[in-house]
N, C-alpha and C. Protein backbone atom coordinates (compact mmCIF):
# COMPACT_ATOMS: atom_id res chain seq x y z
N UNK A 1 13.56 -35.40 -13.85
CA UNK A 1 14.50 -34.34 -14.29
C UNK A 1 12.59 -33.25 -14.18
N UNK A 2 11.64 -33.60 -14.51
CA UNK A 2 10.60 -32.50 -14.47
C UNK A 2 9.97 -32.46 -13.01
N UNK A 3 10.45 -33.29 -11.96
CA UNK A 3 10.24 -33.22 -10.74
C UNK A 3 10.76 -32.06 -9.76
N UNK A 4 12.54 -32.16 -10.45
CA UNK A 4 13.41 -31.32 -9.88
C UNK A 4 12.83 -30.22 -10.06
N UNK A 5 12.62 -29.72 -11.69
CA UNK A 5 12.34 -28.38 -12.51
C UNK A 5 11.04 -28.02 -11.38
N UNK A 6 10.11 -28.91 -11.18
CA UNK A 6 8.73 -28.06 -10.51
C UNK A 6 9.18 -27.75 -9.20
N UNK A 7 9.79 -28.56 -8.43
CA UNK A 7 10.19 -28.19 -7.26
C UNK A 7 11.15 -26.56 -7.07
N UNK A 8 11.87 -26.55 -8.13
CA UNK A 8 12.86 -25.67 -7.94
C UNK A 8 11.81 -24.06 -8.19
N UNK A 9 10.93 -24.64 -9.47
CA UNK A 9 9.95 -23.25 -9.49
C UNK A 9 8.92 -23.12 -8.33
N UNK A 10 8.75 -23.67 -7.61
CA UNK A 10 7.75 -23.90 -6.44
C UNK A 10 8.34 -23.29 -5.68
N UNK A 11 9.86 -23.62 -5.10
CA UNK A 11 10.39 -22.95 -3.75
C UNK A 11 10.75 -21.62 -4.18
N UNK A 12 11.23 -21.24 -5.56
CA UNK A 12 11.77 -20.11 -6.22
C UNK A 12 10.71 -19.19 -5.89
N UNK A 13 9.12 -19.53 -6.34
CA UNK A 13 7.97 -18.84 -6.24
C UNK A 13 7.46 -18.09 -4.94
N UNK A 14 7.68 -19.17 -4.10
CA UNK A 14 7.42 -19.09 -2.63
C UNK A 14 8.33 -17.82 -2.09
N UNK A 15 9.64 -18.05 -2.48
CA UNK A 15 10.56 -16.81 -2.15
C UNK A 15 10.41 -15.31 -2.05
N UNK A 16 9.71 -15.43 -3.26
CA UNK A 16 9.24 -14.33 -4.13
C UNK A 16 7.90 -13.58 -3.19
N UNK A 17 7.27 -14.41 -3.22
CA UNK A 17 5.63 -13.92 -2.56
C UNK A 17 5.95 -13.25 -1.17
N UNK A 18 5.44 -12.18 -0.98
CA UNK A 18 5.03 -11.83 0.19
C UNK A 18 6.56 -10.85 0.05
N UNK A 19 7.05 -10.60 -0.97
CA UNK A 19 8.57 -9.43 -0.56
C UNK A 19 7.97 -8.13 -1.14
N UNK A 20 8.05 -7.47 -0.36
CA UNK A 20 7.44 -6.37 -0.04
C UNK A 20 8.81 -5.27 -0.47
N UNK A 21 8.21 -4.02 -1.26
CA UNK A 21 9.18 -3.17 -1.99
C UNK A 21 9.64 -2.38 -0.64
N UNK A 22 11.24 -2.57 -0.46
CA UNK A 22 12.22 -2.12 0.37
C UNK A 22 12.75 -0.70 0.39
N UNK A 23 12.52 -0.14 -0.64
CA UNK A 23 12.86 0.96 -1.32
C UNK A 23 11.83 1.96 -1.26
N UNK A 24 10.62 1.74 -0.79
CA UNK A 24 9.86 2.57 -0.65
C UNK A 24 9.33 2.99 0.68
N UNK A 25 9.32 4.63 1.11
CA UNK A 25 9.40 5.14 2.23
C UNK A 25 8.13 5.15 2.94
N UNK A 26 7.99 4.24 4.25
CA UNK A 26 6.93 4.20 5.00
C UNK A 26 6.55 5.34 5.97
N UNK A 27 7.58 6.54 5.99
CA UNK A 27 7.20 7.42 6.72
C UNK A 27 7.68 7.04 8.51
N UNK A 28 7.74 5.57 8.81
CA UNK A 28 8.37 5.41 9.94
C UNK A 28 9.52 5.81 10.20
N UNK A 29 9.86 6.17 11.64
CA UNK A 29 11.50 6.62 11.75
C UNK A 29 12.27 5.61 11.52
N UNK A 30 12.16 4.36 11.38
CA UNK A 30 13.04 3.42 11.37
C UNK A 30 13.16 3.01 10.02
N UNK A 31 12.11 3.42 8.81
CA UNK A 31 12.11 2.93 7.90
C UNK A 31 12.28 3.94 6.63
N UNK A 32 12.79 5.19 7.10
CA UNK A 32 13.03 6.22 5.96
C UNK A 32 14.08 6.04 5.29
N UNK A 33 14.06 6.14 3.99
CA UNK A 33 14.76 5.93 2.70
C UNK A 33 14.85 7.34 1.72
N UNK A 34 15.71 6.99 1.06
CA UNK A 34 15.92 8.14 0.27
C UNK A 34 14.83 8.11 -0.93
N UNK A 35 13.99 9.14 -1.01
CA UNK A 35 13.16 8.93 -1.72
C UNK A 35 12.83 9.91 -2.95
N UNK A 36 13.76 10.82 -3.29
CA UNK A 36 14.29 12.08 -4.29
C UNK A 36 14.22 11.65 -5.48
N UNK A 37 15.23 10.67 -5.81
CA UNK A 37 15.37 9.87 -7.07
C UNK A 37 14.93 8.63 -7.34
N UNK A 38 14.16 8.92 -8.74
CA UNK A 38 13.52 7.83 -9.49
C UNK A 38 14.51 6.93 -9.38
N UNK A 39 14.33 5.48 -9.60
CA UNK A 39 15.32 4.35 -9.84
C UNK A 39 15.38 4.31 -11.18
N UNK A 40 14.36 4.44 -11.78
CA UNK A 40 14.57 4.61 -13.57
C UNK A 40 13.78 5.75 -14.15
N UNK A 41 14.24 6.05 -15.15
CA UNK A 41 13.42 6.96 -15.81
C UNK A 41 12.02 6.66 -15.97
N UNK A 42 11.38 5.63 -15.90
CA UNK A 42 10.15 5.03 -16.45
C UNK A 42 9.32 5.02 -14.91
N UNK A 43 9.91 5.35 -13.98
CA UNK A 43 8.90 5.41 -12.62
C UNK A 43 8.67 7.12 -12.09
N UNK A 44 8.06 7.41 -11.32
CA UNK A 44 7.56 8.59 -10.87
C UNK A 44 7.58 8.27 -9.01
N UNK A 45 8.43 8.86 -8.63
CA UNK A 45 8.85 8.98 -7.03
C UNK A 45 8.34 10.35 -6.27
N UNK A 46 7.61 10.30 -5.23
CA UNK A 46 7.28 11.26 -4.39
C UNK A 46 6.88 11.17 -3.19
N UNK A 47 7.14 12.39 -2.09
CA UNK A 47 6.72 12.30 -0.92
C UNK A 47 5.32 12.78 -1.09
N UNK A 48 4.30 12.43 -0.45
CA UNK A 48 2.96 12.31 -0.62
C UNK A 48 2.54 13.43 0.50
N UNK A 49 2.44 13.51 1.67
CA UNK A 49 2.39 14.31 2.71
C UNK A 49 0.92 14.34 3.09
N UNK A 50 0.44 13.07 2.73
CA UNK A 50 -1.73 13.02 2.61
C UNK A 50 -1.91 12.05 3.89
N UNK A 51 -2.45 12.68 4.80
CA UNK A 51 -3.00 12.08 5.94
C UNK A 51 -4.53 11.89 5.99
N UNK A 52 -5.03 11.17 6.96
CA UNK A 52 -6.54 10.99 7.65
C UNK A 52 -6.56 10.63 8.64
N UNK A 53 -7.53 10.72 9.84
CA UNK A 53 -7.92 10.09 10.46
C UNK A 53 -9.41 9.49 10.62
N UNK A 54 -9.68 8.33 11.06
CA UNK A 54 -10.89 7.69 10.45
C UNK A 54 -11.02 6.63 11.90
N UNK A 55 -12.12 6.98 12.49
CA UNK A 55 -12.54 6.33 13.94
C UNK A 55 -11.13 6.02 14.76
N UNK A 56 -10.48 7.26 15.14
CA UNK A 56 -9.25 6.75 15.89
C UNK A 56 -8.33 6.42 15.09
N UNK A 57 -8.13 6.30 13.92
CA UNK A 57 -6.85 5.76 13.59
C UNK A 57 -6.37 6.99 12.76
N UNK A 58 -5.09 7.25 12.85
CA UNK A 58 -4.34 7.99 12.25
C UNK A 58 -3.63 7.32 10.97
N UNK A 59 -3.82 7.75 9.71
CA UNK A 59 -3.24 6.98 8.60
C UNK A 59 -2.61 8.11 7.54
N UNK A 60 -1.29 7.92 7.35
CA UNK A 60 -0.47 9.04 6.60
C UNK A 60 0.34 7.98 5.39
N UNK A 61 0.22 8.72 4.38
CA UNK A 61 0.88 8.25 3.28
C UNK A 61 1.94 9.00 3.02
N UNK A 62 3.30 8.23 3.18
CA UNK A 62 4.50 9.03 3.53
C UNK A 62 4.98 9.35 1.85
N UNK A 63 5.11 8.14 0.97
CA UNK A 63 5.63 8.05 -0.23
C UNK A 63 4.96 7.20 -1.42
N UNK A 64 4.83 7.93 -2.48
CA UNK A 64 4.18 7.05 -3.89
C UNK A 64 5.17 6.89 -4.76
N UNK A 65 5.27 5.83 -5.13
CA UNK A 65 6.00 5.45 -6.58
C UNK A 65 5.29 4.69 -7.53
N UNK A 66 5.23 5.32 -8.79
CA UNK A 66 4.17 5.23 -9.71
C UNK A 66 5.18 4.61 -11.16
N UNK A 67 4.95 3.26 -11.15
CA UNK A 67 5.54 2.48 -12.02
C UNK A 67 5.01 1.94 -13.13
N UNK A 68 5.12 1.82 -14.65
CA UNK A 68 4.18 1.26 -15.65
C UNK A 68 3.37 -0.01 -15.37
N UNK A 69 3.86 -0.73 -14.45
CA UNK A 69 2.81 -1.89 -13.93
C UNK A 69 2.36 -1.80 -12.67
N UNK A 70 2.60 -0.86 -11.87
CA UNK A 70 2.02 -1.20 -10.46
C UNK A 70 2.48 0.65 -9.64
N UNK A 71 1.35 0.50 -9.05
CA UNK A 71 1.62 1.76 -7.71
C UNK A 71 2.14 1.06 -6.25
N UNK A 72 3.14 1.74 -6.05
CA UNK A 72 3.67 1.61 -4.49
C UNK A 72 3.08 2.36 -3.41
N UNK A 73 2.20 2.22 -2.51
CA UNK A 73 2.12 3.59 -1.75
C UNK A 73 2.96 2.90 0.04
N UNK A 74 3.67 4.10 0.46
CA UNK A 74 4.52 3.58 1.40
C UNK A 74 3.41 4.29 2.68
N UNK A 75 3.20 3.81 3.63
CA UNK A 75 2.14 4.41 4.46
C UNK A 75 2.80 3.54 6.00
N UNK A 76 2.19 4.46 6.69
CA UNK A 76 2.28 4.28 8.29
C UNK A 76 0.63 4.37 9.25
N UNK A 77 0.35 4.01 10.20
CA UNK A 77 -0.56 4.17 10.81
C UNK A 77 -0.65 4.02 12.19
N UNK A 78 -1.59 4.50 13.33
CA UNK A 78 -1.63 4.57 14.49
C UNK A 78 -3.02 4.36 14.91
N UNK A 79 -3.50 3.35 15.46
CA UNK A 79 -4.36 3.33 16.10
C UNK A 79 -4.66 4.06 17.67
N UNK A 80 -5.12 5.24 17.85
CA UNK A 80 -5.19 6.12 18.73
C UNK A 80 -6.20 5.51 19.93
N UNK A 81 -6.97 4.40 19.56
CA UNK A 81 -8.20 3.80 20.53
C UNK A 81 -7.44 3.12 21.51
N UNK A 82 -8.33 2.81 22.61
CA UNK A 82 -7.35 1.96 23.78
C UNK A 82 -7.98 0.32 22.95
N UNK A 83 -9.16 0.22 22.31
CA UNK A 83 -9.23 -1.06 21.90
C UNK A 83 -8.79 -1.11 20.44
N UNK A 84 -9.29 -2.75 20.05
CA UNK A 84 -8.75 -3.06 18.69
C UNK A 84 -9.55 -2.52 18.01
N UNK A 85 -8.96 -2.17 16.37
CA UNK A 85 -9.75 -1.80 15.08
C UNK A 85 -9.48 -2.76 14.41
N UNK A 86 -10.24 -3.03 13.44
CA UNK A 86 -10.20 -4.25 12.22
C UNK A 86 -10.21 -3.26 10.64
N UNK A 87 -9.05 -3.42 10.05
CA UNK A 87 -8.86 -2.61 8.70
C UNK A 87 -8.18 -3.84 8.26
N UNK A 88 -8.32 -3.88 6.94
CA UNK A 88 -7.31 -4.72 5.58
C UNK A 88 -7.15 -4.10 4.37
N UNK A 89 -6.25 -2.76 4.43
CA UNK A 89 -6.19 -2.23 3.10
C UNK A 89 -5.54 -2.64 2.26
N UNK A 90 -4.88 -4.11 2.41
CA UNK A 90 -4.29 -4.80 1.50
C UNK A 90 -5.01 -5.90 0.75
N UNK A 91 -6.16 -5.88 1.23
CA UNK A 91 -6.92 -6.59 0.92
C UNK A 91 -8.37 -6.11 0.19
N UNK A 92 -8.58 -4.83 0.69
CA UNK A 92 -9.76 -3.87 0.11
C UNK A 92 -9.50 -2.87 -0.45
N UNK A 93 -8.23 -2.56 -0.38
CA UNK A 93 -7.77 -1.38 -1.09
C UNK A 93 -8.06 -1.04 -2.69
N UNK A 94 -8.20 0.02 -3.25
CA UNK A 94 -8.31 0.24 -4.63
C UNK A 94 -7.66 1.70 -4.96
N UNK A 95 -6.92 1.87 -5.77
CA UNK A 95 -5.97 3.14 -6.15
C UNK A 95 -6.92 3.39 -7.68
N UNK A 96 -7.54 4.84 -7.90
CA UNK A 96 -8.33 5.20 -8.73
C UNK A 96 -7.69 6.16 -9.41
N UNK A 97 -7.18 5.87 -10.89
CA UNK A 97 -6.69 6.79 -11.52
C UNK A 97 -7.54 7.22 -12.66
N UNK A 98 -8.35 8.26 -12.92
CA UNK A 98 -9.29 8.39 -13.99
C UNK A 98 -10.10 7.30 -13.61
N UNK A 99 -10.21 6.64 -15.09
CA UNK A 99 -11.31 5.73 -15.44
C UNK A 99 -10.58 4.25 -14.96
N UNK A 100 -9.59 4.01 -14.28
CA UNK A 100 -8.85 2.75 -14.18
C UNK A 100 -8.86 2.34 -12.67
N UNK A 101 -9.01 1.14 -12.43
CA UNK A 101 -8.96 0.97 -10.70
C UNK A 101 -7.89 -0.45 -10.85
N UNK A 102 -7.20 0.22 -9.71
CA UNK A 102 -6.12 -1.00 -9.60
C UNK A 102 -6.26 -1.34 -8.12
N UNK A 103 -6.61 -2.76 -7.80
CA UNK A 103 -6.93 -3.31 -6.79
C UNK A 103 -5.48 -4.00 -6.09
N UNK A 104 -5.45 -3.31 -4.69
CA UNK A 104 -4.24 -3.92 -3.89
C UNK A 104 -3.73 -5.37 -4.10
N UNK A 105 -2.77 -5.74 -4.12
CA UNK A 105 -2.11 -6.98 -4.04
C UNK A 105 -1.52 -7.53 -2.57
N UNK A 106 -2.29 -7.81 -1.67
CA UNK A 106 -1.90 -8.44 -0.48
C UNK A 106 -0.64 -9.30 -0.32
N UNK A 107 -0.05 -10.19 -0.99
CA UNK A 107 0.99 -11.12 -1.31
C UNK A 107 2.06 -10.09 -2.02
N UNK A 108 2.13 -8.97 -2.69
CA UNK A 108 3.03 -7.85 -3.18
C UNK A 108 3.88 -7.01 -2.04
N UNK A 109 2.71 -6.80 -1.35
CA UNK A 109 2.86 -5.62 -0.48
C UNK A 109 3.37 -6.11 0.94
N UNK A 110 3.93 -5.20 1.80
CA UNK A 110 4.43 -5.32 3.50
C UNK A 110 2.79 -5.58 4.15
N UNK A 111 3.42 -6.24 5.13
CA UNK A 111 2.11 -6.62 6.07
C UNK A 111 1.77 -5.49 6.81
N UNK A 112 0.31 -4.85 6.62
CA UNK A 112 0.16 -3.68 7.17
C UNK A 112 -1.45 -3.76 7.33
N UNK A 113 -2.07 -3.48 8.55
CA UNK A 113 -3.58 -3.71 8.69
C UNK A 113 -3.73 -5.13 9.41
N UNK A 114 -4.87 -5.50 9.54
CA UNK A 114 -5.39 -6.58 10.36
C UNK A 114 -6.33 -6.48 11.38
N UNK A 115 -5.71 -7.18 12.37
CA UNK A 115 -6.73 -6.91 14.03
C UNK A 115 -5.44 -5.66 14.50
N UNK A 116 -5.96 -4.66 14.96
CA UNK A 116 -4.96 -3.31 15.34
C UNK A 116 -5.10 -3.45 16.77
N UNK A 117 -4.25 -3.83 17.68
CA UNK A 117 -4.80 -3.42 18.73
C UNK A 117 -4.58 -1.68 19.12
N UNK A 118 -5.28 -1.36 20.35
CA UNK A 118 -4.92 -0.27 20.74
C UNK A 118 -3.76 0.23 21.04
N UNK A 119 -3.21 1.57 20.46
CA UNK A 119 -2.21 2.19 20.76
C UNK A 119 -0.89 1.70 19.64
N UNK A 120 -1.53 1.00 18.82
CA UNK A 120 -0.51 0.15 18.18
C UNK A 120 -0.17 1.35 16.95
N UNK A 121 1.19 1.08 16.27
CA UNK A 121 1.64 1.79 15.13
C UNK A 121 2.05 0.87 14.29
N UNK A 122 1.68 1.06 12.92
CA UNK A 122 2.28 -0.10 12.15
C UNK A 122 2.94 0.89 10.97
N UNK A 123 3.68 0.17 9.61
CA UNK A 123 4.08 0.88 9.05
C UNK A 123 4.29 -0.48 7.68
N UNK A 124 4.16 0.12 6.30
CA UNK A 124 4.09 -1.04 5.46
C UNK A 124 3.99 -0.51 3.86
N UNK A 125 3.90 -1.10 3.15
CA UNK A 125 4.15 -0.78 1.81
C UNK A 125 2.48 -1.58 0.79
N UNK A 126 1.78 -0.51 0.18
CA UNK A 126 0.73 -1.14 -0.30
C UNK A 126 1.08 -1.11 -1.76
N UNK A 127 0.92 -2.33 -2.35
CA UNK A 127 1.05 -2.47 -3.78
C UNK A 127 -0.15 -2.97 -4.62
N UNK A 128 -0.37 -1.99 -5.65
CA UNK A 128 -1.39 -2.30 -6.74
C UNK A 128 -0.81 -2.29 -8.37
N UNK A 129 -0.88 -3.61 -8.62
CA UNK A 129 -0.57 -3.43 -10.01
C UNK A 129 -1.67 -3.44 -10.89
N UNK A 130 -1.22 -3.30 -12.14
CA UNK A 130 -2.10 -2.63 -13.30
C UNK A 130 -2.85 -4.23 -13.58
N UNK A 131 -4.19 -4.25 -13.68
CA UNK A 131 -4.93 -5.11 -14.17
C UNK A 131 -4.81 -5.43 -15.58
N UNK A 132 -4.85 -6.74 -15.96
CA UNK A 132 -4.41 -7.43 -17.51
C UNK A 132 -3.32 -6.81 -18.35
N UNK A 133 -2.35 -6.81 -17.51
CA UNK A 133 -1.12 -6.37 -18.15
C UNK A 133 -1.35 -4.75 -19.01
N UNK A 134 -2.21 -3.87 -18.56
CA UNK A 134 -2.16 -2.92 -18.73
C UNK A 134 -0.96 -2.12 -18.23
N UNK A 135 -0.69 -0.68 -19.18
CA UNK A 135 0.49 -0.01 -18.54
C UNK A 135 0.02 1.40 -18.15
N UNK A 136 0.66 2.13 -17.10
CA UNK A 136 0.65 3.26 -16.64
C UNK A 136 1.47 4.23 -17.34
N UNK A 137 0.97 5.63 -17.49
CA UNK A 137 2.18 6.63 -17.78
C UNK A 137 2.27 7.22 -16.78
N UNK A 138 3.29 7.21 -15.75
CA UNK A 138 3.67 7.52 -14.74
C UNK A 138 3.61 9.23 -14.89
N UNK A 139 4.31 10.08 -15.83
CA UNK A 139 4.24 11.24 -16.17
C UNK A 139 2.96 12.07 -16.46
N UNK A 140 1.79 11.40 -16.87
CA UNK A 140 0.37 11.70 -17.17
C UNK A 140 -0.20 11.52 -15.98
N UNK A 141 -0.07 11.03 -14.87
CA UNK A 141 -0.92 10.70 -13.67
C UNK A 141 -0.76 11.99 -12.83
N UNK A 142 -2.17 12.67 -12.35
CA UNK A 142 -2.09 13.87 -11.77
C UNK A 142 -2.68 13.71 -10.13
N UNK A 143 -3.71 13.11 -10.48
CA UNK A 143 -4.01 12.81 -8.87
C UNK A 143 -4.63 11.09 -8.80
N UNK A 144 -4.47 10.49 -7.49
CA UNK A 144 -4.82 9.15 -7.49
C UNK A 144 -5.84 9.22 -5.92
N UNK A 145 -6.79 8.98 -6.16
CA UNK A 145 -7.90 8.60 -5.41
C UNK A 145 -7.70 7.01 -4.62
N UNK A 146 -7.38 6.81 -3.47
CA UNK A 146 -7.12 5.90 -2.52
C UNK A 146 -8.40 5.81 -1.88
N UNK A 147 -8.85 4.28 -2.29
CA UNK A 147 -10.38 4.00 -1.01
C UNK A 147 -9.58 2.73 -0.73
N UNK A 148 -9.19 2.85 0.64
CA UNK A 148 -8.48 1.65 1.49
C UNK A 148 -9.14 1.11 2.24
N UNK A 149 -10.81 0.93 2.03
CA UNK A 149 -11.64 -0.18 2.69
C UNK A 149 -11.85 0.35 3.93
N UNK A 150 -12.83 -0.56 4.78
CA UNK A 150 -13.34 -0.19 5.88
C UNK A 150 -12.66 -0.42 7.12
N UNK A 151 -12.62 0.70 8.11
CA UNK A 151 -12.29 0.29 9.43
C UNK A 151 -13.50 -0.08 10.35
N UNK A 152 -13.09 -0.80 11.19
CA UNK A 152 -14.39 -1.58 12.31
C UNK A 152 -13.86 -1.22 13.32
N UNK A 153 -14.71 -0.79 14.09
CA UNK A 153 -14.49 -0.43 15.78
C UNK A 153 -14.69 -1.98 16.16
N UNK A 154 -13.49 -2.58 17.39
CA UNK A 154 -13.45 -3.50 18.30
C UNK A 154 -14.85 -4.60 17.94
N UNK A 155 -15.88 -4.01 18.23
CA UNK A 155 -17.31 -4.32 18.53
C UNK A 155 -18.22 -4.51 17.44
N UNK A 156 -17.44 -3.95 16.20
CA UNK A 156 -18.02 -3.94 15.06
C UNK A 156 -19.54 -2.95 14.63
N UNK A 157 -19.33 -2.05 15.90
CA UNK A 157 -20.64 -1.46 15.94
C UNK A 157 -20.55 -0.21 15.03
N UNK A 158 -19.50 0.24 14.58
CA UNK A 158 -18.93 1.69 13.82
C UNK A 158 -18.35 0.91 12.95
N UNK A 159 -18.35 1.37 11.52
CA UNK A 159 -17.24 1.30 10.16
C UNK A 159 -17.18 2.48 9.83
N UNK A 160 -16.32 2.85 9.05
CA UNK A 160 -15.87 4.28 8.41
C UNK A 160 -14.96 3.74 7.22
N UNK A 161 -15.18 3.89 6.05
CA UNK A 161 -14.32 4.01 4.87
C UNK A 161 -13.09 4.93 4.92
N UNK A 162 -11.95 4.43 4.56
CA UNK A 162 -10.72 5.24 4.71
C UNK A 162 -10.39 5.79 3.01
N UNK A 163 -10.79 6.79 2.74
CA UNK A 163 -10.34 7.65 1.48
C UNK A 163 -9.45 8.89 1.50
N UNK A 164 -8.23 8.74 0.58
CA UNK A 164 -7.33 9.63 0.78
C UNK A 164 -7.29 10.07 -0.54
N UNK A 165 -6.77 11.64 -0.99
CA UNK A 165 -6.77 11.73 -2.50
C UNK A 165 -5.24 12.16 -2.51
N UNK A 166 -4.31 11.93 -3.13
CA UNK A 166 -3.25 12.25 -3.32
C UNK A 166 -2.99 12.91 -4.53
N UNK A 167 -2.40 14.34 -4.64
CA UNK A 167 -1.88 14.95 -5.99
C UNK A 167 -0.66 14.37 -5.62
N UNK A 168 -0.30 13.88 -7.47
CA UNK A 168 1.06 13.69 -7.92
C UNK A 168 1.93 14.72 -7.95
N UNK A 169 3.08 14.62 -7.58
CA UNK A 169 3.85 16.23 -7.72
C UNK A 169 4.95 15.92 -8.64
């Protein structure tokens, strides 16, 4: 009986690992969702409209969802270079709110980043869970500083950090 229970727990945990939030708008044309209404009163959801370009990679933050236990960032990118770039925001990313730092969890979000070929567009969701079961008050957050790690050129000769400030609306 214990073996059966163990197998059920392992299988069910594998099903949920890597399940990206599907209701967060990434800004990609095929993944637009209704973002104007919060799912419940304990979350804050808004169109961010923040973007930057670093080493030929256009980064757009489409939607932000702030929940008591995590922040979800819907985003898209485009590598305008002819060569590949390397970028891992789901591993290196940080969301800084006041004196609190939330680290990206690559298993909770969507697949974005990696070795990105020239001319490629990607979209996905980064998830930043709160550390040590701490809680956020979505109504009190005014801005989020996103430090999404370094982009490196195909030859690793140039690197630059991706930082975006998001004003909470």
